[in-house]
């Protein structure tokens, strides 16, 4: 069968056989991500995704409580590897690497991410997914990495790790949502420099 214009690269071909759930889910998330990046979260509907993926709209209603929740899953699935937290043993290098990658992602897809955050204010299902599967998860990864750096003596023992997360990523989100100043690699470097002026261990304490 020849590919029709309606078929996208991840679209499932129609057939009578039972299709594997993982194939249906993969096609759905691929189609949703394409629509999300092209048109934004408010334009994403179950009807559009189902048509693009070649799946049943009823399947989407069964798996996702709202189009917003599907949009979040598509975003997280597309960028999970990009947002992985490195651990080279050097916390300053790892924070710089992760924040630069994050800023690059926001510069390419910031409108989509801002749209998801905005839509979550009126979509409880999306808000729950965003909080449980993204915000809480990513905070935990950051705090765990900072805790290992503190244990290695790279951060002051009394430093509040949750506040460090807010200082760094909160500042980045602030520039995304309140765009008075640009998001740049230089901004990341300045954030890191300011942070380590306050949290680096005192050399005199290490010498004693």
C-alpha atoms as a PDB file:
ATOM      1  CA  UNK A   1       0.000   0.000   0.000  1.00  0.00           C
ATOM      2  CA  UNK A   2       1.300   3.457  -0.875  1.00  0.00           C
ATOM      3  CA  UNK A   3       1.614   6.055   1.877  1.00  0.00           C
ATOM      4  CA  UNK A   4      -1.193   8.630   1.765  1.00  0.00           C
ATOM      5  CA  UNK A   5      -0.748  12.332   2.475  1.00  0.00           C
ATOM      6  CA  UNK A   6      -2.428  11.845   5.840  1.00  0.00           C
ATOM      7  CA  UNK A   7       0.218   9.390   6.956  1.00  0.00           C
ATOM      8  CA  UNK A   8       3.071  10.833   8.978  1.00  0.00           C
ATOM      9  CA  UNK A   9       6.378   9.117   9.610  1.00  0.00           C
ATOM     10  CA  UNK A  10       5.078   7.448  12.769  1.00  0.00           C
ATOM     11  CA  UNK A  11       1.526   6.755  11.544  1.00  0.00           C
ATOM     12  CA  UNK A  12       0.246   3.197  11.913  1.00  0.00           C
ATOM     13  CA  UNK A  13      -1.085   1.611   8.760  1.00  0.00           C
ATOM     14  CA  UNK A  14      -4.693   0.405   8.907  1.00  0.00           C
ATOM     15  CA  UNK A  15      -5.239  -3.343   9.191  1.00  0.00           C
ATOM     16  CA  UNK A  16      -7.448  -6.008  10.656  1.00  0.00           C
ATOM     17  CA  UNK A  17      -4.852  -7.545  12.956  1.00  0.00           C
ATOM     18  CA  UNK A  18      -4.503  -6.584  16.604  1.00  0.00           C
ATOM     19  CA  UNK A  19      -1.725  -4.023  17.011  1.00  0.00           C
ATOM     20  CA  UNK A  20       0.643  -4.059  19.956  1.00  0.00           C
ATOM     21  CA  UNK A  21      -0.116  -1.515  22.653  1.00  0.00           C
ATOM     22  CA  UNK A  22       3.478  -0.251  22.636  1.00  0.00           C
ATOM     23  CA  UNK A  23       3.284   0.434  18.883  1.00  0.00           C
ATOM     24  CA  UNK A  24       0.026   2.337  19.311  1.00  0.00           C
ATOM     25  CA  UNK A  25       1.484   4.331  22.198  1.00  0.00           C
ATOM     26  CA  UNK A  26       4.692   5.120  20.298  1.00  0.00           C
ATOM     27  CA  UNK A  27       2.770   6.288  17.220  1.00  0.00           C
ATOM     28  CA  UNK A  28       0.475   8.393  19.407  1.00  0.00           C
ATOM     29  CA  UNK A  29       3.307  10.106  21.285  1.00  0.00           C
ATOM     30  CA  UNK A  30       5.207  10.759  18.055  1.00  0.00           C
ATOM     31  CA  UNK A  31       2.146  12.319  16.429  1.00  0.00           C
ATOM     32  CA  UNK A  32       1.345  14.347  19.554  1.00  0.00           C
ATOM     33  CA  UNK A  33       4.912  15.659  19.782  1.00  0.00           C
ATOM     34  CA  UNK A  34       4.850  16.711  16.128  1.00  0.00           C
ATOM     35  CA  UNK A  35       1.576  18.585  16.623  1.00  0.00           C
ATOM     36  CA  UNK A  36       2.724  20.083  19.914  1.00  0.00           C
ATOM     37  CA  UNK A  37       5.916  21.509  18.428  1.00  0.00           C
ATOM     38  CA  UNK A  38       4.195  22.685  15.253  1.00  0.00           C
ATOM     39  CA  UNK A  39       0.990  24.183  16.662  1.00  0.00           C
ATOM     40  CA  UNK A  40       1.297  24.453  20.451  1.00  0.00           C
ATOM     41  CA  UNK A  41      -0.533  22.831  23.319  1.00  0.00           C
ATOM     42  CA  UNK A  42      -3.863  24.608  22.801  1.00  0.00           C
ATOM     43  CA  UNK A  43      -4.156  23.304  19.226  1.00  0.00           C
ATOM     44  CA  UNK A  44      -3.556  19.683  20.240  1.00  0.00           C
ATOM     45  CA  UNK A  45      -6.756  17.627  20.313  1.00  0.00           C
ATOM     46  CA  UNK A  46      -7.473  13.917  20.529  1.00  0.00           C
ATOM     47  CA  UNK A  47      -9.059  14.052  17.067  1.00  0.00           C
ATOM     48  CA  UNK A  48      -5.960  15.562  15.464  1.00  0.00           C
ATOM     49  CA  UNK A  49      -3.583  13.183  17.196  1.00  0.00           C
ATOM     50  CA  UNK A  50      -5.684  10.110  16.396  1.00  0.00           C
ATOM     51  CA  UNK A  51      -5.900  11.055  12.722  1.00  0.00           C
ATOM     52  CA  UNK A  52      -2.185  11.769  12.467  1.00  0.00           C
ATOM     53  CA  UNK A  53      -1.162   8.602  14.319  1.00  0.00           C
ATOM     54  CA  UNK A  54      -3.682   6.305  12.642  1.00  0.00           C
ATOM     55  CA  UNK A  55      -5.158   5.152  15.943  1.00  0.00           C
ATOM     56  CA  UNK A  56      -8.609   5.114  17.501  1.00  0.00           C
ATOM     57  CA  UNK A  57      -9.691   8.261  19.294  1.00  0.00           C
ATOM     58  CA  UNK A  58     -11.315   6.044  21.925  1.00  0.00           C
ATOM     59  CA  UNK A  59      -7.872   4.619  22.715  1.00  0.00           C
ATOM     60  CA  UNK A  60      -6.644   8.094  23.560  1.00  0.00           C
ATOM     61  CA  UNK A  61      -9.604   8.720  25.856  1.00  0.00           C
ATOM     62  CA  UNK A  62      -8.811   5.416  27.588  1.00  0.00           C
ATOM     63  CA  UNK A  63      -5.109   6.176  28.125  1.00  0.00           C
ATOM     64  CA  UNK A  64      -5.048   9.934  28.788  1.00  0.00           C
ATOM     65  CA  UNK A  65      -7.570  11.928  30.867  1.00  0.00           C
ATOM     66  CA  UNK A  66      -7.179  15.072  28.731  1.00  0.00           C
ATOM     67  CA  UNK A  67      -5.351  16.382  25.646  1.00  0.00           C
ATOM     68  CA  UNK A  68      -3.163  18.388  28.035  1.00  0.00           C
ATOM     69  CA  UNK A  69      -2.013  15.232  29.801  1.00  0.00           C
ATOM     70  CA  UNK A  70      -1.201  13.691  26.412  1.00  0.00           C
ATOM     71  CA  UNK A  71       0.703  16.838  25.428  1.00  0.00           C
ATOM     72  CA  UNK A  72       2.807  16.562  28.563  1.00  0.00           C
ATOM     73  CA  UNK A  73       3.549  12.871  27.930  1.00  0.00           C
ATOM     74  CA  UNK A  74       4.588  13.703  24.361  1.00  0.00           C
ATOM     75  CA  UNK A  75       6.892  16.493  25.543  1.00  0.00           C
ATOM     76  CA  UNK A  76       8.479  14.386  28.269  1.00  0.00           C
ATOM     77  CA  UNK A  77       8.929  11.410  25.922  1.00  0.00           C
ATOM     78  CA  UNK A  78      10.578  13.597  23.265  1.00  0.00           C
ATOM     79  CA  UNK A  79      13.024  15.396  25.556  1.00  0.00           C
ATOM     80  CA  UNK A  80      13.698  13.003  28.457  1.00  0.00           C
ATOM     81  CA  UNK A  81      17.122  11.996  27.117  1.00  0.00           C
ATOM     82  CA  UNK A  82      18.039  15.623  26.386  1.00  0.00           C
ATOM     83  CA  UNK A  83      17.323  16.606  29.985  1.00  0.00           C
ATOM     84  CA  UNK A  84      19.346  13.791  31.582  1.00  0.00           C
ATOM     85  CA  UNK A  85      21.527  14.947  34.483  1.00  0.00           C
ATOM     86  CA  UNK A  86      25.258  14.223  34.016  1.00  0.00           C
ATOM     87  CA  UNK A  87      27.535  13.032  36.805  1.00  0.00           C
ATOM     88  CA  UNK A  88      31.222  13.462  35.998  1.00  0.00           C
ATOM     89  CA  UNK A  89      32.249  13.957  39.620  1.00  0.00           C
ATOM     90  CA  UNK A  90      32.588  17.733  39.112  1.00  0.00           C
ATOM     91  CA  UNK A  91      29.368  19.415  40.284  1.00  0.00           C
ATOM     92  CA  UNK A  92      30.163  22.807  38.779  1.00  0.00           C
ATOM     93  CA  UNK A  93      30.783  21.264  35.367  1.00  0.00           C
ATOM     94  CA  UNK A  94      27.667  19.093  35.597  1.00  0.00           C
ATOM     95  CA  UNK A  95      25.390  21.987  36.592  1.00  0.00           C
ATOM     96  CA  UNK A  96      26.794  24.105  33.764  1.00  0.00           C
ATOM     97  CA  UNK A  97      26.300  21.315  31.227  1.00  0.00           C
ATOM     98  CA  UNK A  98      22.737  20.553  32.293  1.00  0.00           C
ATOM     99  CA  UNK A  99      21.633  24.187  32.448  1.00  0.00           C
ATOM    100  CA  UNK A 100      23.183  25.004  29.074  1.00  0.00           C
ATOM    101  CA  UNK A 101      21.360  22.056  27.490  1.00  0.00           C
ATOM    102  CA  UNK A 102      18.136  23.174  29.164  1.00  0.00           C
ATOM    103  CA  UNK A 103      18.537  26.774  27.973  1.00  0.00           C
ATOM    104  CA  UNK A 104      19.214  25.542  24.433  1.00  0.00           C
ATOM    105  CA  UNK A 105      16.009  23.479  24.584  1.00  0.00           C
ATOM    106  CA  UNK A 106      14.038  26.507  25.798  1.00  0.00           C
ATOM    107  CA  UNK A 107      15.457  28.684  23.042  1.00  0.00           C
ATOM    108  CA  UNK A 108      14.228  26.153  20.476  1.00  0.00           C
ATOM    109  CA  UNK A 109      10.918  25.137  22.081  1.00  0.00           C
ATOM    110  CA  UNK A 110      10.264  27.691  24.807  1.00  0.00           C
ATOM    111  CA  UNK A 111       6.856  28.684  23.501  1.00  0.00           C
ATOM    112  CA  UNK A 112       5.672  25.084  23.736  1.00  0.00           C
ATOM    113  CA  UNK A 113       6.988  24.657  27.270  1.00  0.00           C
ATOM    114  CA  UNK A 114       5.506  27.983  28.374  1.00  0.00           C
ATOM    115  CA  UNK A 115       2.214  26.866  26.810  1.00  0.00           C
ATOM    116  CA  UNK A 116       2.235  23.632  28.811  1.00  0.00           C
ATOM    117  CA  UNK A 117       2.919  25.535  32.038  1.00  0.00           C
ATOM    118  CA  UNK A 118       0.137  28.005  31.243  1.00  0.00           C
ATOM    119  CA  UNK A 119      -2.359  25.304  30.256  1.00  0.00           C
ATOM    120  CA  UNK A 120      -1.674  23.437  33.509  1.00  0.00           C
ATOM    121  CA  UNK A 121      -3.199  26.340  35.450  1.00  0.00           C
ATOM    122  CA  UNK A 122      -6.646  25.417  34.093  1.00  0.00           C
ATOM    123  CA  UNK A 123      -6.222  21.676  33.445  1.00  0.00           C
ATOM    124  CA  UNK A 124      -6.000  19.624  36.682  1.00  0.00           C
ATOM    125  CA  UNK A 125      -4.977  16.463  34.822  1.00  0.00           C
ATOM    126  CA  UNK A 126      -2.115  18.249  33.094  1.00  0.00           C
ATOM    127  CA  UNK A 127      -1.133  19.972  36.355  1.00  0.00           C
ATOM    128  CA  UNK A 128      -0.989  16.610  38.129  1.00  0.00           C
ATOM    129  CA  UNK A 129       1.084  15.010  35.362  1.00  0.00           C
ATOM    130  CA  UNK A 130       3.432  17.986  35.222  1.00  0.00           C
ATOM    131  CA  UNK A 131       3.943  17.988  38.985  1.00  0.00           C
ATOM    132  CA  UNK A 132       4.220  14.240  39.560  1.00  0.00           C
ATOM    133  CA  UNK A 133       6.135  13.070  36.499  1.00  0.00           C
ATOM    134  CA  UNK A 134       8.228  16.121  35.622  1.00  0.00           C
ATOM    135  CA  UNK A 135       8.715  18.773  38.294  1.00  0.00           C
ATOM    136  CA  UNK A 136       9.024  16.434  41.295  1.00  0.00           C
ATOM    137  CA  UNK A 137      11.096  13.928  39.325  1.00  0.00           C
ATOM    138  CA  UNK A 138      13.544  16.514  38.005  1.00  0.00           C
ATOM    139  CA  UNK A 139      13.890  18.218  41.395  1.00  0.00           C
ATOM    140  CA  UNK A 140      14.763  14.869  42.922  1.00  0.00           C
ATOM    141  CA  UNK A 141      17.454  14.213  40.289  1.00  0.00           C
ATOM    142  CA  UNK A 142      18.986  17.652  40.888  1.00  0.00           C
ATOM    143  CA  UNK A 143      18.890  17.325  44.682  1.00  0.00           C
ATOM    144  CA  UNK A 144      20.433  13.843  44.545  1.00  0.00           C
ATOM    145  CA  UNK A 145      23.292  15.123  42.377  1.00  0.00           C
ATOM    146  CA  UNK A 146      23.826  18.103  44.696  1.00  0.00           C
ATOM    147  CA  UNK A 147      23.742  15.816  47.742  1.00  0.00           C
ATOM    148  CA  UNK A 148      26.512  13.631  46.324  1.00  0.00           C
ATOM    149  CA  UNK A 149      28.544  16.795  45.630  1.00  0.00           C
ATOM    150  CA  UNK A 150      27.984  17.970  49.198  1.00  0.00           C
ATOM    151  CA  UNK A 151      29.099  14.596  50.497  1.00  0.00           C
ATOM    152  CA  UNK A 152      32.234  14.883  48.320  1.00  0.00           C
ATOM    153  CA  UNK A 153      33.017  18.264  49.895  1.00  0.00           C
ATOM    154  CA  UNK A 154      32.268  20.318  46.769  1.00  0.00           C
ATOM    155  CA  UNK A 155      29.397  22.201  48.432  1.00  0.00           C
ATOM    156  CA  UNK A 156      29.135  23.593  51.956  1.00  0.00           C
ATOM    157  CA  UNK A 157      27.643  21.141  54.424  1.00  0.00           C
ATOM    158  CA  UNK A 158      24.979  23.669  55.521  1.00  0.00           C
ATOM    159  CA  UNK A 159      23.835  24.563  51.982  1.00  0.00           C
ATOM    160  CA  UNK A 160      20.088  24.096  51.403  1.00  0.00           C
ATOM    161  CA  UNK A 161      19.867  21.946  48.264  1.00  0.00           C
ATOM    162  CA  UNK A 162      16.204  22.631  47.471  1.00  0.00           C
ATOM    163  CA  UNK A 163      16.957  26.373  47.478  1.00  0.00           C
ATOM    164  CA  UNK A 164      19.859  25.837  45.064  1.00  0.00           C
ATOM    165  CA  UNK A 165      17.457  24.141  42.646  1.00  0.00           C
ATOM    166  CA  UNK A 166      15.122  27.137  42.907  1.00  0.00           C
ATOM    167  CA  UNK A 167      17.984  29.598  42.420  1.00  0.00           C
ATOM    168  CA  UNK A 168      19.224  27.972  39.228  1.00  0.00           C
ATOM    169  CA  UNK A 169      16.225  26.509  37.406  1.00  0.00           C
ATOM    170  CA  UNK A 170      13.822  29.073  38.845  1.00  0.00           C
ATOM    171  CA  UNK A 171      15.912  31.850  37.333  1.00  0.00           C
ATOM    172  CA  UNK A 172      15.827  30.130  33.943  1.00  0.00           C
ATOM    173  CA  UNK A 173      12.051  29.661  34.058  1.00  0.00           C
ATOM    174  CA  UNK A 174      11.681  33.312  35.110  1.00  0.00           C
ATOM    175  CA  UNK A 175      13.453  34.473  31.950  1.00  0.00           C
ATOM    176  CA  UNK A 176      11.311  32.111  29.879  1.00  0.00           C
ATOM    177  CA  UNK A 177       7.987  33.292  31.303  1.00  0.00           C
ATOM    178  CA  UNK A 178       8.926  36.941  31.963  1.00  0.00           C
ATOM    179  CA  UNK A 179      11.155  37.609  28.943  1.00  0.00           C
ATOM    180  CA  UNK A 180      12.801  40.902  29.812  1.00  0.00           C
ATOM    181  CA  UNK A 181      16.291  39.471  29.294  1.00  0.00           C
ATOM    182  CA  UNK A 182      17.537  36.722  26.951  1.00  0.00           C
ATOM    183  CA  UNK A 183      18.294  33.131  27.853  1.00  0.00           C
ATOM    184  CA  UNK A 184      21.938  32.597  26.958  1.00  0.00           C
ATOM    185  CA  UNK A 185      24.918  30.420  27.843  1.00  0.00           C
ATOM    186  CA  UNK A 186      26.499  33.518  29.399  1.00  0.00           C
ATOM    187  CA  UNK A 187      23.485  33.829  31.707  1.00  0.00           C
ATOM    188  CA  UNK A 188      23.983  30.225  32.789  1.00  0.00           C
ATOM    189  CA  UNK A 189      27.664  30.835  33.497  1.00  0.00           C
ATOM    190  CA  UNK A 190      26.821  33.890  35.615  1.00  0.00           C
ATOM    191  CA  UNK A 191      24.201  31.952  37.590  1.00  0.00           C
ATOM    192  CA  UNK A 192      26.746  29.234  38.321  1.00  0.00           C
ATOM    193  CA  UNK A 193      29.443  31.757  39.266  1.00  0.00           C
ATOM    194  CA  UNK A 194      27.091  33.582  41.651  1.00  0.00           C
ATOM    195  CA  UNK A 195      26.002  30.285  43.203  1.00  0.00           C
ATOM    196  CA  UNK A 196      29.492  29.003  43.878  1.00  0.00           C
ATOM    197  CA  UNK A 197      30.574  32.252  45.497  1.00  0.00           C
ATOM    198  CA  UNK A 198      28.074  31.344  48.208  1.00  0.00           C
ATOM    199  CA  UNK A 199      28.173  27.536  48.426  1.00  0.00           C
ATOM    200  CA  UNK A 200      31.813  26.629  47.805  1.00  0.00           C
ATOM    201  CA  UNK A 201      33.519  25.281  50.936  1.00  0.00           C
ATOM    202  CA  UNK A 202      35.855  27.647  52.789  1.00  0.00           C
ATOM    203  CA  UNK A 203      39.431  26.516  52.046  1.00  0.00           C
ATOM    204  CA  UNK A 204      40.380  27.284  55.650  1.00  0.00           C
ATOM    205  CA  UNK A 205      37.688  24.876  56.869  1.00  0.00           C
ATOM    206  CA  UNK A 206      38.972  22.148  54.550  1.00  0.00           C
ATOM    207  CA  UNK A 207      42.535  22.667  55.781  1.00  0.00           C
ATOM    208  CA  UNK A 208      41.626  22.124  59.431  1.00  0.00           C
END
